Amino acid sequence: QVQLAESGGGLVQAGGSLRLSCAASGRTFTSSGAMGWFRQGPGKEREFVAGIRWSGTTDYADSVKGRFTISRDNAKNTVYLQMNSLKPEDTAVYYCAAMDNVYFTLSRAGLYDYWGQGTQVTVSS
């Protein structure tokens, strides 16, 4: 059974940084599949943030390009989301997700097979 556990959320001032971690257990995604980060802000729908395929290629939402970086540590079976230059509009619950198969796009939530419980990120102005 695949489980995803997020950590690293918290409260930060605008302009600050946070690094989220997502530890996967039950399966590795280094030779197939992909992992991604989504977020859901207050009163908003869940939206794609960033994704990384087993090959290492990445996708980002336009709103976070140049500020966020997704990476992984294969030995730890962990994916990270480094968030810099945070803005109040980045406030959301951030979810880690994983898919067994890789598709052209990583931004569709419905393509993901596994989800974490989420971690809260709050950016104060």
PDB file of N, CA and C in Angstrom:
ATOM      1  N   GLN A   1       0.843  -1.177   0.000  1.00  0.00           N
ATOM      2  CA  GLN A   1       0.000   0.000   0.000  1.00  0.00           C
ATOM      3  C   GLN A   1       0.889   1.242   0.000  1.00  0.00           C
ATOM      4  N   VAL A   2       0.614   2.126  -0.947  1.00  0.00           N
ATOM      5  CA  VAL A   2       1.412   3.344  -1.062  1.00  0.00           C
ATOM      6  C   VAL A   2       0.905   4.383  -0.076  1.00  0.00           C
ATOM      7  N   GLN A   3       1.826   4.987   0.637  1.00  0.00           N
ATOM      8  CA  GLN A   3       1.483   6.078   1.549  1.00  0.00           C
ATOM      9  C   GLN A   3       2.418   7.247   1.291  1.00  0.00           C
ATOM     10  N   LEU A   4       1.861   8.442   1.364  1.00  0.00           N
ATOM     11  CA  LEU A   4       2.623   9.677   1.184  1.00  0.00           C
ATOM     12  C   LEU A   4       2.467  10.518   2.441  1.00  0.00           C
ATOM     13  N   ALA A   5       3.587  10.976   2.976  1.00  0.00           N
ATOM     14  CA  ALA A   5       3.554  11.758   4.213  1.00  0.00           C
ATOM     15  C   ALA A   5       4.261  13.086   3.983  1.00  0.00           C
ATOM     16  N   GLU A   6       3.487  14.178   4.053  1.00  0.00           N
ATOM     17  CA  GLU A   6       4.057  15.512   3.880  1.00  0.00           C
ATOM     18  C   GLU A   6       4.537  16.068   5.214  1.00  0.00           C
ATOM     19  N   SER A   7       5.511  16.942   5.128  1.00  0.00           N
ATOM     20  CA  SER A   7       5.977  17.679   6.301  1.00  0.00           C
ATOM     21  C   SER A   7       6.627  18.974   5.830  1.00  0.00           C
ATOM     22  N   GLY A   8       6.832  19.890   6.776  1.00  0.00           N
ATOM     23  CA  GLY A   8       7.549  21.113   6.459  1.00  0.00           C
ATOM     24  C   GLY A   8       6.702  22.358   6.352  1.00  0.00           C
ATOM     25  N   GLY A   9       5.399  22.215   6.482  1.00  0.00           N
ATOM     26  CA  GLY A   9       4.555  23.398   6.422  1.00  0.00           C
ATOM     27  C   GLY A   9       4.720  24.263   7.657  1.00  0.00           C
ATOM     28  N   GLY A  10       4.129  25.453   7.609  1.00  0.00           N
ATOM     29  CA  GLY A  10       4.213  26.346   8.754  1.00  0.00           C
ATOM     30  C   GLY A  10       3.824  27.759   8.391  1.00  0.00           C
ATOM     31  N   LEU A  11       4.155  28.662   9.288  1.00  0.00           N
ATOM     32  CA  LEU A  11       3.859  30.086   9.122  1.00  0.00           C
ATOM     33  C   LEU A  11       5.149  30.816   8.767  1.00  0.00           C
ATOM     34  N   VAL A  12       5.084  31.637   7.726  1.00  0.00           N
ATOM     35  CA  VAL A  12       6.263  32.374   7.285  1.00  0.00           C
ATOM     36  C   VAL A  12       5.823  33.751   6.805  1.00  0.00           C
ATOM     37  N   GLN A  13       6.706  34.725   6.913  1.00  0.00           N
ATOM     38  CA  GLN A  13       6.390  36.060   6.420  1.00  0.00           C
ATOM     39  C   GLN A  13       6.585  36.125   4.907  1.00  0.00           C
ATOM     40  N   ALA A  14       5.879  37.056   4.297  1.00  0.00           N
ATOM     41  CA  ALA A  14       6.032  37.258   2.862  1.00  0.00           C
ATOM     42  C   ALA A  14       7.497  37.517   2.524  1.00  0.00           C
ATOM     43  N   GLY A  15       7.949  36.893   1.447  1.00  0.00           N
ATOM     44  CA  GLY A  15       9.343  36.995   1.059  1.00  0.00           C
ATOM     45  C   GLY A  15      10.213  35.885   1.621  1.00  0.00           C
ATOM     46  N   GLY A  16       9.681  35.130   2.549  1.00  0.00           N
ATOM     47  CA  GLY A  16      10.429  34.056   3.173  1.00  0.00           C
ATOM     48  C   GLY A  16      10.408  32.770   2.368  1.00  0.00           C
ATOM     49  N   SER A  17      10.981  31.727   2.966  1.00  0.00           N
ATOM     50  CA  SER A  17      11.103  30.435   2.294  1.00  0.00           C
ATOM     51  C   SER A  17      10.658  29.299   3.205  1.00  0.00           C
ATOM     52  N   LEU A  18      10.211  28.230   2.579  1.00  0.00           N
ATOM     53  CA  LEU A  18       9.898  26.987   3.262  1.00  0.00           C
ATOM     54  C   LEU A  18      10.262  25.840   2.333  1.00  0.00           C
ATOM     55  N   ARG A  19      10.570  24.693   2.914  1.00  0.00           N
ATOM     56  CA  ARG A  19      10.784  23.498   2.116  1.00  0.00           C
ATOM     57  C   ARG A  19       9.843  22.403   2.607  1.00  0.00           C
ATOM     58  N   LEU A  20       9.005  21.935   1.712  1.00  0.00           N
ATOM     59  CA  LEU A  20       8.109  20.832   2.009  1.00  0.00           C
ATOM     60  C   LEU A  20       8.755  19.520   1.596  1.00  0.00           C
ATOM     61  N   SER A  21       8.460  18.484   2.356  1.00  0.00           N
ATOM     62  CA  SER A  21       8.953  17.152   2.048  1.00  0.00           C
ATOM     63  C   SER A  21       7.778  16.194   1.903  1.00  0.00           C
ATOM     64  N   CYS A  22       7.948  15.203   1.047  1.00  0.00           N
ATOM     65  CA  CYS A  22       6.937  14.159   0.875  1.00  0.00           C
ATOM     66  C   CYS A  22       7.657  12.826   0.810  1.00  0.00           C
ATOM     67  N   ALA A  23       7.515  12.044   1.855  1.00  0.00           N
ATOM     68  CA  ALA A  23       8.147  10.732   1.919  1.00  0.00           C
ATOM     69  C   ALA A  23       7.163   9.675   1.453  1.00  0.00           C
ATOM     70  N   ALA A  24       7.566   8.901   0.464  1.00  0.00           N
ATOM     71  CA  ALA A  24       6.716   7.840  -0.078  1.00  0.00           C
ATOM     72  C   ALA A  24       7.138   6.496   0.494  1.00  0.00           C
ATOM     73  N   SER A  25       6.159   5.670   0.780  1.00  0.00           N
ATOM     74  CA  SER A  25       6.422   4.310   1.228  1.00  0.00           C
ATOM     75  C   SER A  25       5.506   3.360   0.467  1.00  0.00           C
ATOM     76  N   GLY A  26       5.964   2.139   0.311  1.00  0.00           N
ATOM     77  CA  GLY A  26       5.167   1.137  -0.380  1.00  0.00           C
ATOM     78  C   GLY A  26       5.464   1.027  -1.856  1.00  0.00           C
ATOM     79  N   ARG A  27       6.173   2.000  -2.422  1.00  0.00           N
ATOM     80  CA  ARG A  27       6.519   1.988  -3.838  1.00  0.00           C
ATOM     81  C   ARG A  27       7.541   3.083  -4.075  1.00  0.00           C
ATOM     82  N   THR A  28       8.410   2.848  -5.046  1.00  0.00           N
ATOM     83  CA  THR A  28       9.322   3.907  -5.467  1.00  0.00           C
ATOM     84  C   THR A  28       8.849   4.465  -6.801  1.00  0.00           C
ATOM     85  N   PHE A  29       9.145   5.726  -7.041  1.00  0.00           N
ATOM     86  CA  PHE A  29       8.727   6.394  -8.269  1.00  0.00           C
ATOM     87  C   PHE A  29       9.942   6.883  -9.043  1.00  0.00           C
ATOM     88  N   THR A  30      11.030   6.143  -8.928  1.00  0.00           N
ATOM     89  CA  THR A  30      12.268   6.572  -9.574  1.00  0.00           C
ATOM     90  C   THR A  30      12.501   5.891 -10.915  1.00  0.00           C
ATOM     91  N   SER A  31      11.751   4.828 -11.223  1.00  0.00           N
ATOM     92  CA  SER A  31      11.885   4.155 -12.512  1.00  0.00           C
ATOM     93  C   SER A  31      10.579   4.156 -13.297  1.00  0.00           C
ATOM     94  N   SER A  32       9.537   4.638 -12.697  1.00  0.00           N
ATOM     95  CA  SER A  32       8.251   4.781 -13.388  1.00  0.00           C
ATOM     96  C   SER A  32       7.386   5.732 -12.584  1.00  0.00           C
ATOM     97  N   GLY A  33       6.359   6.266 -13.231  1.00  0.00           N
ATOM     98  CA  GLY A  33       5.439   7.128 -12.528  1.00  0.00           C
ATOM     99  C   GLY A  33       5.939   8.550 -12.370  1.00  0.00           C
ATOM    100  N   ALA A  34       5.263   9.272 -11.509  1.00  0.00           N
ATOM    101  CA  ALA A  34       5.599  10.666 -11.254  1.00  0.00           C
ATOM    102  C   ALA A  34       5.028  11.082  -9.910  1.00  0.00           C
ATOM    103  N   MET A  35       5.541  12.180  -9.404  1.00  0.00           N
ATOM    104  CA  MET A  35       5.027  12.756  -8.167  1.00  0.00           C
ATOM    105  C   MET A  35       4.804  14.243  -8.373  1.00  0.00           C
ATOM    106  N   GLY A  36       3.903  14.784  -7.591  1.00  0.00           N
ATOM    107  CA  GLY A  36       3.589  16.189  -7.765  1.00  0.00           C
ATOM    108  C   GLY A  36       3.105  16.832  -6.486  1.00  0.00           C
ATOM    109  N   TRP A  37       2.989  18.149  -6.552  1.00  0.00           N
ATOM    110  CA  TRP A  37       2.444  18.941  -5.448  1.00  0.00           C
ATOM    111  C   TRP A  37       1.248  19.735  -5.961  1.00  0.00           C
ATOM    112  N   PHE A  38       0.201  19.711  -5.164  1.00  0.00           N
ATOM    113  CA  PHE A  38      -0.982  20.520  -5.418  1.00  0.00           C
ATOM    114  C   PHE A  38      -1.242  21.368  -4.182  1.00  0.00           C
ATOM    115  N   ARG A  39      -2.098  22.360  -4.329  1.00  0.00           N
ATOM    116  CA  ARG A  39      -2.472  23.172  -3.169  1.00  0.00           C
ATOM    117  C   ARG A  39      -3.928  23.602  -3.282  1.00  0.00           C
ATOM    118  N   GLN A  40      -4.508  23.856  -2.123  1.00  0.00           N
ATOM    119  CA  GLN A  40      -5.888  24.333  -2.074  1.00  0.00           C
ATOM    120  C   GLN A  40      -5.970  25.454  -1.063  1.00  0.00           C
ATOM    121  N   GLY A  41      -6.187  26.650  -1.569  1.00  0.00           N
ATOM    122  CA  GLY A  41      -6.320  27.808  -0.708  1.00  0.00           C
ATOM    123  C   GLY A  41      -7.737  27.967  -0.192  1.00  0.00           C
ATOM    124  N   PRO A  42      -7.941  28.850   0.771  1.00  0.00           N
ATOM    125  CA  PRO A  42      -9.270  29.073   1.333  1.00  0.00           C
ATOM    126  C   PRO A  42     -10.282  29.479   0.265  1.00  0.00           C
ATOM    127  N   GLY A  43     -11.351  28.720   0.153  1.00  0.00           N
ATOM    128  CA  GLY A  43     -12.389  29.036  -0.813  1.00  0.00           C
ATOM    129  C   GLY A  43     -12.010  28.803  -2.253  1.00  0.00           C
ATOM    130  N   LYS A  44     -10.905  28.091  -2.483  1.00  0.00           N
ATOM    131  CA  LYS A  44     -10.450  27.864  -3.857  1.00  0.00           C
ATOM    132  C   LYS A  44     -10.443  26.377  -4.182  1.00  0.00           C
ATOM    133  N   GLU A  45     -10.373  26.070  -5.468  1.00  0.00           N
ATOM    134  CA  GLU A  45     -10.238  24.693  -5.883  1.00  0.00           C
ATOM    135  C   GLU A  45      -8.779  24.256  -5.771  1.00  0.00           C
ATOM    136  N   ARG A  46      -8.599  22.951  -5.712  1.00  0.00           N
ATOM    137  CA  ARG A  46      -7.248  22.417  -5.685  1.00  0.00           C
ATOM    138  C   ARG A  46      -6.554  22.714  -7.013  1.00  0.00           C
ATOM    139  N   GLU A  47      -5.322  23.164  -6.943  1.00  0.00           N
ATOM    140  CA  GLU A  47      -4.585  23.512  -8.151  1.00  0.00           C
ATOM    141  C   GLU A  47      -3.195  22.899  -8.156  1.00  0.00           C
ATOM    142  N   PHE A  48      -2.730  22.645  -9.359  1.00  0.00           N
ATOM    143  CA  PHE A  48      -1.397  22.077  -9.556  1.00  0.00           C
ATOM    144  C   PHE A  48      -0.333  23.111  -9.215  1.00  0.00           C
ATOM    145  N   VAL A  49       0.747  22.630  -8.601  1.00  0.00           N
ATOM    146  CA  VAL A  49       1.875  23.490  -8.277  1.00  0.00           C
ATOM    147  C   VAL A  49       3.113  23.069  -9.064  1.00  0.00           C
ATOM    148  N   ALA A  50       3.506  21.803  -8.912  1.00  0.00           N
ATOM    149  CA  ALA A  50       4.716  21.316  -9.579  1.00  0.00           C
ATOM    150  C   ALA A  50       4.678  19.802  -9.628  1.00  0.00           C
ATOM    151  N   GLY A  51       5.401  19.229 -10.608  1.00  0.00           N
ATOM    152  CA  GLY A  51       5.470  17.789 -10.717  1.00  0.00           C
ATOM    153  C   GLY A  51       6.824  17.356 -11.247  1.00  0.00           C
ATOM    154  N   ILE A  52       7.193  16.115 -10.937  1.00  0.00           N
ATOM    155  CA  ILE A  52       8.461  15.574 -11.407  1.00  0.00           C
ATOM    156  C   ILE A  52       8.242  14.139 -11.865  1.00  0.00           C
ATOM    157  N   ARG A  53       8.654  13.827 -13.086  1.00  0.00           N
ATOM    158  CA  ARG A  53       8.512  12.487 -13.626  1.00  0.00           C
ATOM    159  C   ARG A  53       9.653  11.601 -13.166  1.00  0.00           C
ATOM    160  N   TRP A  54       9.509  10.312 -13.367  1.00  0.00           N
ATOM    161  CA  TRP A  54      10.549   9.376 -12.940  1.00  0.00           C
ATOM    162  C   TRP A  54      11.859   9.692 -13.649  1.00  0.00           C
ATOM    163  N   SER A  55      11.763  10.251 -14.861  1.00  0.00           N
ATOM    164  CA  SER A  55      12.960  10.593 -15.626  1.00  0.00           C
ATOM    165  C   SER A  55      13.668  11.831 -15.089  1.00  0.00           C
ATOM    166  N   GLY A  56      12.982  12.569 -14.227  1.00  0.00           N
ATOM    167  CA  GLY A  56      13.573  13.775 -13.668  1.00  0.00           C
ATOM    168  C   GLY A  56      13.067  15.072 -14.276  1.00  0.00           C
ATOM    169  N   THR A  57      12.290  14.981 -15.358  1.00  0.00           N
ATOM    170  CA  THR A  57      11.755  16.203 -15.956  1.00  0.00           C
ATOM    171  C   THR A  57      10.658  16.775 -15.066  1.00  0.00           C
ATOM    172  N   THR A  58      10.521  18.079 -15.122  1.00  0.00           N
ATOM    173  CA  THR A  58       9.624  18.773 -14.195  1.00  0.00           C
ATOM    174  C   THR A  58       8.643  19.681 -14.932  1.00  0.00           C
ATOM    175  N   ASP A  59       7.528  19.942 -14.294  1.00  0.00           N
ATOM    176  CA  ASP A  59       6.541  20.917 -14.757  1.00  0.00           C
ATOM    177  C   ASP A  59       6.193  21.829 -13.595  1.00  0.00           C
ATOM    178  N   TYR A  60       5.864  23.075 -13.912  1.00  0.00           N
ATOM    179  CA  TYR A  60       5.474  24.031 -12.883  1.00  0.00           C
ATOM    180  C   TYR A  60       4.254  24.826 -13.330  1.00  0.00           C
ATOM    181  N   ALA A  61       3.457  25.222 -12.362  1.00  0.00           N
ATOM    182  CA  ALA A  61       2.401  26.181 -12.641  1.00  0.00           C
ATOM    183  C   ALA A  61       3.041  27.537 -12.905  1.00  0.00           C
ATOM    184  N   ASP A  62       2.424  28.314 -13.767  1.00  0.00           N
ATOM    185  CA  ASP A  62       2.988  29.623 -14.102  1.00  0.00           C
ATOM    186  C   ASP A  62       3.136  30.514 -12.864  1.00  0.00           C
ATOM    187  N   SER A  63       2.233  30.353 -11.917  1.00  0.00           N
ATOM    188  CA  SER A  63       2.232  31.215 -10.737  1.00  0.00           C
ATOM    189  C   SER A  63       3.427  30.989  -9.821  1.00  0.00           C
ATOM    190  N   VAL A  64       4.115  29.860  -9.980  1.00  0.00           N
ATOM    191  CA  VAL A  64       5.233  29.557  -9.084  1.00  0.00           C
ATOM    192  C   VAL A  64       6.572  29.446  -9.813  1.00  0.00           C
ATOM    193  N   LYS A  65       6.560  29.523 -11.133  1.00  0.00           N
ATOM    194  CA  LYS A  65       7.807  29.425 -11.896  1.00  0.00           C
ATOM    195  C   LYS A  65       8.798  30.485 -11.440  1.00  0.00           C
ATOM    196  N   GLY A  66      10.037  30.058 -11.241  1.00  0.00           N
ATOM    197  CA  GLY A  66      11.073  30.976 -10.801  1.00  0.00           C
ATOM    198  C   GLY A  66      11.138  31.154  -9.294  1.00  0.00           C
ATOM    199  N   ARG A  67      10.126  30.695  -8.580  1.00  0.00           N
ATOM    200  CA  ARG A  67      10.107  30.816  -7.121  1.00  0.00           C
ATOM    201  C   ARG A  67      10.153  29.457  -6.427  1.00  0.00           C
ATOM    202  N   PHE A  68       9.510  28.461  -6.991  1.00  0.00           N
ATOM    203  CA  PHE A  68       9.448  27.123  -6.392  1.00  0.00           C
ATOM    204  C   PHE A  68      10.299  26.157  -7.212  1.00  0.00           C
ATOM    205  N   THR A  69      10.865  25.177  -6.521  1.00  0.00           N
ATOM    206  CA  THR A  69      11.644  24.142  -7.184  1.00  0.00           C
ATOM    207  C   THR A  69      11.276  22.777  -6.611  1.00  0.00           C
ATOM    208  N   ILE A  70      10.940  21.864  -7.491  1.00  0.00           N
ATOM    209  CA  ILE A  70      10.652  20.491  -7.063  1.00  0.00           C
ATOM    210  C   ILE A  70      11.893  19.651  -7.323  1.00  0.00           C
ATOM    211  N   SER A  71      12.196  18.775  -6.380  1.00  0.00           N
ATOM    212  CA  SER A  71      13.355  17.906  -6.519  1.00  0.00           C
ATOM    213  C   SER A  71      13.083  16.614  -5.776  1.00  0.00           C
ATOM    214  N   ARG A  72      13.997  15.671  -5.881  1.00  0.00           N
ATOM    215  CA  ARG A  72      13.788  14.402  -5.183  1.00  0.00           C
ATOM    216  C   ARG A  72      15.115  13.830  -4.745  1.00  0.00           C
ATOM    217  N   ASP A  73      15.016  12.992  -3.730  1.00  0.00           N
ATOM    218  CA  ASP A  73      16.148  12.215  -3.227  1.00  0.00           C
ATOM    219  C   ASP A  73      15.756  10.760  -3.405  1.00  0.00           C
ATOM    220  N   ASN A  74      16.320  10.113  -4.408  1.00  0.00           N
ATOM    221  CA  ASN A  74      15.938   8.733  -4.716  1.00  0.00           C
ATOM    222  C   ASN A  74      16.252   7.787  -3.560  1.00  0.00           C
ATOM    223  N   ALA A  75      17.359   8.016  -2.895  1.00  0.00           N
ATOM    224  CA  ALA A  75      17.754   7.126  -1.800  1.00  0.00           C
ATOM    225  C   ALA A  75      16.748   7.170  -0.663  1.00  0.00           C
ATOM    226  N   LYS A  76      16.141   8.329  -0.470  1.00  0.00           N
ATOM    227  CA  LYS A  76      15.169   8.493   0.615  1.00  0.00           C
ATOM    228  C   LYS A  76      13.726   8.336   0.115  1.00  0.00           C
ATOM    229  N   ASN A  77      13.558   8.154  -1.196  1.00  0.00           N
ATOM    230  CA  ASN A  77      12.214   8.048  -1.776  1.00  0.00           C
ATOM    231  C   ASN A  77      11.361   9.242  -1.348  1.00  0.00           C
ATOM    232  N   THR A  78      11.965  10.400  -1.435  1.00  0.00           N
ATOM    233  CA  THR A  78      11.338  11.633  -0.948  1.00  0.00           C
ATOM    234  C   THR A  78      11.395  12.712  -2.022  1.00  0.00           C
ATOM    235  N   VAL A  79      10.311  13.446  -2.140  1.00  0.00           N
ATOM    236  CA  VAL A  79      10.232  14.581  -3.037  1.00  0.00           C
ATOM    237  C   VAL A  79      10.136  15.856  -2.202  1.00  0.00           C
ATOM    238  N   TYR A  80      10.784  16.895  -2.685  1.00  0.00           N
ATOM    239  CA  TYR A  80      10.809  18.164  -1.967  1.00  0.00           C
ATOM    240  C   TYR A  80      10.196  19.269  -2.816  1.00  0.00           C
ATOM    241  N   LEU A  81       9.673  20.266  -2.135  1.00  0.00           N
ATOM    242  CA  LEU A  81       9.226  21.483  -2.809  1.00  0.00           C
ATOM    243  C   LEU A  81       9.859  22.658  -2.076  1.00  0.00           C
ATOM    244  N   GLN A  82      10.870  23.235  -2.687  1.00  0.00           N
ATOM    245  CA  GLN A  82      11.516  24.416  -2.125  1.00  0.00           C
ATOM    246  C   GLN A  82      10.745  25.637  -2.582  1.00  0.00           C
ATOM    247  N   MET A  83      10.244  26.400  -1.637  1.00  0.00           N
ATOM    248  CA  MET A  83       9.413  27.560  -1.940  1.00  0.00           C
ATOM    249  C   MET A  83      10.128  28.822  -1.462  1.00  0.00           C
ATOM    250  N   ASN A  84      10.485  29.673  -2.394  1.00  0.00           N
ATOM    251  CA  ASN A  84      11.153  30.940  -2.089  1.00  0.00           C
ATOM    252  C   ASN A  84      10.261  32.111  -2.482  1.00  0.00           C
ATOM    253  N   SER A  85      10.594  33.269  -1.959  1.00  0.00           N
ATOM    254  CA  SER A  85       9.849  34.498  -2.276  1.00  0.00           C
ATOM    255  C   SER A  85       8.348  34.291  -2.104  1.00  0.00           C
ATOM    256  N   LEU A  86       7.988  33.720  -0.977  1.00  0.00           N
ATOM    257  CA  LEU A  86       6.589  33.385  -0.740  1.00  0.00           C
ATOM    258  C   LEU A  86       5.717  34.630  -0.649  1.00  0.00           C
ATOM    259  N   LYS A  87       4.493  34.474  -1.136  1.00  0.00           N
ATOM    260  CA  LYS A  87       3.518  35.552  -1.148  1.00  0.00           C
ATOM    261  C   LYS A  87       2.289  35.134  -0.346  1.00  0.00           C
ATOM    262  N   PRO A  88       1.525  36.098   0.157  1.00  0.00           N
ATOM    263  CA  PRO A  88       0.297  35.729   0.893  1.00  0.00           C
ATOM    264  C   PRO A  88      -0.627  34.839   0.062  1.00  0.00           C
ATOM    265  N   GLU A  89      -0.651  35.007  -1.244  1.00  0.00           N
ATOM    266  CA  GLU A  89      -1.526  34.181  -2.076  1.00  0.00           C
ATOM    267  C   GLU A  89      -1.034  32.744  -2.217  1.00  0.00           C
ATOM    268  N   ASP A  90       0.142  32.436  -1.686  1.00  0.00           N
ATOM    269  CA  ASP A  90       0.613  31.054  -1.645  1.00  0.00           C
ATOM    270  C   ASP A  90       0.036  30.294  -0.455  1.00  0.00           C
ATOM    271  N   THR A  91      -0.662  31.000   0.415  1.00  0.00           N
ATOM    272  CA  THR A  91      -1.282  30.361   1.570  1.00  0.00           C
ATOM    273  C   THR A  91      -2.272  29.297   1.122  1.00  0.00           C
ATOM    274  N   ALA A  92      -2.072  28.084   1.611  1.00  0.00           N
ATOM    275  CA  ALA A  92      -2.913  26.956   1.194  1.00  0.00           C
ATOM    276  C   ALA A  92      -2.507  25.714   1.964  1.00  0.00           C
ATOM    277  N   VAL A  93      -3.334  24.691   1.841  1.00  0.00           N
ATOM    278  CA  VAL A  93      -2.923  23.352   2.241  1.00  0.00           C
ATOM    279  C   VAL A  93      -2.237  22.730   1.020  1.00  0.00           C
ATOM    280  N   TYR A  94      -1.034  22.256   1.226  1.00  0.00           N
ATOM    281  CA  TYR A  94      -0.250  21.663   0.137  1.00  0.00           C
ATOM    282  C   TYR A  94      -0.309  20.147   0.242  1.00  0.00           C
ATOM    283  N   TYR A  95      -0.632  19.525  -0.879  1.00  0.00           N
ATOM    284  CA  TYR A  95      -0.781  18.073  -0.948  1.00  0.00           C
ATOM    285  C   TYR A  95       0.271  17.466  -1.863  1.00  0.00           C
ATOM    286  N   CYS A  96       0.829  16.379  -1.424  1.00  0.00           N
ATOM    287  CA  CYS A  96       1.706  15.569  -2.252  1.00  0.00           C
ATOM    288  C   CYS A  96       0.864  14.502  -2.946  1.00  0.00           C
ATOM    289  N   ALA A  97       1.207  14.188  -4.177  1.00  0.00           N
ATOM    290  CA  ALA A  97       0.466  13.186  -4.932  1.00  0.00           C
ATOM    291  C   ALA A  97       1.429  12.370  -5.780  1.00  0.00           C
ATOM    292  N   ALA A  98       1.000  11.178  -6.149  1.00  0.00           N
ATOM    293  CA  ALA A  98       1.837  10.304  -6.976  1.00  0.00           C
ATOM    294  C   ALA A  98       0.974   9.513  -7.944  1.00  0.00           C
ATOM    295  N   MET A  99       1.555   9.239  -9.097  1.00  0.00           N
ATOM    296  CA  MET A  99       0.845   8.458 -10.100  1.00  0.00           C
ATOM    297  C   MET A  99       1.706   7.292 -10.551  1.00  0.00           C
ATOM    298  N   ASP A 100       1.043   6.179 -10.883  1.00  0.00           N
ATOM    299  CA  ASP A 100       1.756   4.979 -11.320  1.00  0.00           C
ATOM    300  C   ASP A 100       2.267   5.117 -12.751  1.00  0.00           C
ATOM    301  N   ASN A 101       1.531   5.823 -13.589  1.00  0.00           N
ATOM    302  CA  ASN A 101       1.899   5.998 -14.988  1.00  0.00           C
ATOM    303  C   ASN A 101       2.213   7.464 -15.269  1.00  0.00           C
ATOM    304  N   VAL A 102       3.048   7.690 -16.266  1.00  0.00           N
ATOM    305  CA  VAL A 102       3.411   9.062 -16.614  1.00  0.00           C
ATOM    306  C   VAL A 102       2.618   9.495 -17.836  1.00  0.00           C
ATOM    307  N   TYR A 103       2.054  10.679 -17.763  1.00  0.00           N
ATOM    308  CA  TYR A 103       1.294  11.241 -18.863  1.00  0.00           C
ATOM    309  C   TYR A 103       1.996  12.496 -19.356  1.00  0.00           C
ATOM    310  N   PHE A 104       1.534  12.983 -20.510  1.00  0.00           N
ATOM    311  CA  PHE A 104       2.144  14.187 -21.066  1.00  0.00           C
ATOM    312  C   PHE A 104       2.056  15.345 -20.089  1.00  0.00           C
ATOM    313  N   THR A 105       0.915  15.448 -19.417  1.00  0.00           N
ATOM    314  CA  THR A 105       0.746  16.522 -18.456  1.00  0.00           C
ATOM    315  C   THR A 105       0.767  15.971 -17.038  1.00  0.00           C
ATOM    316  N   LEU A 106       1.297  16.725 -16.135  1.00  0.00           N
ATOM    317  CA  LEU A 106       1.288  16.350 -14.724  1.00  0.00           C
ATOM    318  C   LEU A 106       0.310  17.200 -13.931  1.00  0.00           C
ATOM    319  N   SER A 107      -0.390  18.103 -14.604  1.00  0.00           N
ATOM    320  CA  SER A 107      -1.181  19.095 -13.891  1.00  0.00           C
ATOM    321  C   SER A 107      -2.621  18.690 -13.579  1.00  0.00           C
ATOM    322  N   ARG A 108      -3.052  17.556 -14.063  1.00  0.00           N
ATOM    323  CA  ARG A 108      -4.425  17.129 -13.820  1.00  0.00           C
ATOM    324  C   ARG A 108      -4.506  16.261 -12.575  1.00  0.00           C
ATOM    325  N   ALA A 109      -5.249  16.705 -11.574  1.00  0.00           N
ATOM    326  CA  ALA A 109      -5.334  15.987 -10.314  1.00  0.00           C
ATOM    327  C   ALA A 109      -5.900  14.583 -10.503  1.00  0.00           C
ATOM    328  N   GLY A 110      -6.808  14.420 -11.446  1.00  0.00           N
ATOM    329  CA  GLY A 110      -7.449  13.133 -11.662  1.00  0.00           C
ATOM    330  C   GLY A 110      -6.522  12.035 -12.153  1.00  0.00           C
ATOM    331  N   LEU A 111      -5.320  12.406 -12.600  1.00  0.00           N
ATOM    332  CA  LEU A 111      -4.376  11.402 -13.084  1.00  0.00           C
ATOM    333  C   LEU A 111      -3.576  10.756 -11.961  1.00  0.00           C
ATOM    334  N   TYR A 112      -3.644  11.338 -10.790  1.00  0.00           N
ATOM    335  CA  TYR A 112      -2.854  10.847  -9.664  1.00  0.00           C
ATOM    336  C   TYR A 112      -3.593   9.746  -8.910  1.00  0.00           C
ATOM    337  N   ASP A 113      -2.819   8.729  -8.494  1.00  0.00           N
ATOM    338  CA  ASP A 113      -3.398   7.567  -7.839  1.00  0.00           C
ATOM    339  C   ASP A 113      -3.338   7.640  -6.326  1.00  0.00           C
ATOM    340  N   TYR A 114      -2.404   8.407  -5.810  1.00  0.00           N
ATOM    341  CA  TYR A 114      -2.185   8.432  -4.360  1.00  0.00           C
ATOM    342  C   TYR A 114      -2.041   9.883  -3.903  1.00  0.00           C
ATOM    343  N   TRP A 115      -2.534  10.127  -2.679  1.00  0.00           N
ATOM    344  CA  TRP A 115      -2.513  11.476  -2.114  1.00  0.00           C
ATOM    345  C   TRP A 115      -2.100  11.438  -0.652  1.00  0.00           C
ATOM    346  N   GLY A 116      -1.368  12.468  -0.246  1.00  0.00           N
ATOM    347  CA  GLY A 116      -1.065  12.641   1.150  1.00  0.00           C
ATOM    348  C   GLY A 116      -2.181  13.389   1.864  1.00  0.00           C
ATOM    349  N   GLN A 117      -2.005  13.604   3.150  1.00  0.00           N
ATOM    350  CA  GLN A 117      -3.033  14.254   3.964  1.00  0.00           C
ATOM    351  C   GLN A 117      -2.966  15.774   3.883  1.00  0.00           C
ATOM    352  N   GLY A 118      -1.844  16.294   3.441  1.00  0.00           N
ATOM    353  CA  GLY A 118      -1.713  17.740   3.303  1.00  0.00           C
ATOM    354  C   GLY A 118      -0.970  18.378   4.468  1.00  0.00           C
ATOM    355  N   THR A 119      -0.332  19.504   4.164  1.00  0.00           N
ATOM    356  CA  THR A 119       0.356  20.286   5.182  1.00  0.00           C
ATOM    357  C   THR A 119       0.049  21.763   4.942  1.00  0.00           C
ATOM    358  N   GLN A 120      -0.229  22.486   6.027  1.00  0.00           N
ATOM    359  CA  GLN A 120      -0.656  23.874   5.916  1.00  0.00           C
ATOM    360  C   GLN A 120       0.551  24.797   5.744  1.00  0.00           C
ATOM    361  N   VAL A 121       0.438  25.685   4.778  1.00  0.00           N
ATOM    362  CA  VAL A 121       1.423  26.750   4.590  1.00  0.00           C
ATOM    363  C   VAL A 121       0.680  28.075   4.689  1.00  0.00           C
ATOM    364  N   THR A 122       1.126  28.919   5.600  1.00  0.00           N
ATOM    365  CA  THR A 122       0.503  30.227   5.779  1.00  0.00           C
ATOM    366  C   THR A 122       1.557  31.305   5.618  1.00  0.00           C
ATOM    367  N   VAL A 123       1.299  32.239   4.707  1.00  0.00           N
ATOM    368  CA  VAL A 123       2.234  33.326   4.439  1.00  0.00           C
ATOM    369  C   VAL A 123       1.577  34.621   4.884  1.00  0.00           C
ATOM    370  N   SER A 124       2.203  35.278   5.845  1.00  0.00           N
ATOM    371  CA  SER A 124       1.646  36.523   6.368  1.00  0.00           C
ATOM    372  C   SER A 124       2.236  37.724   5.632  1.00  0.00           C
ATOM    373  N   SER A 125       1.430  38.769   5.526  1.00  0.00           N
ATOM    374  CA  SER A 125       1.879  39.962   4.798  1.00  0.00           C
ATOM    375  C   SER A 125       2.549  40.957   5.711  1.00  0.00           C
TER     376      SER A 125
END
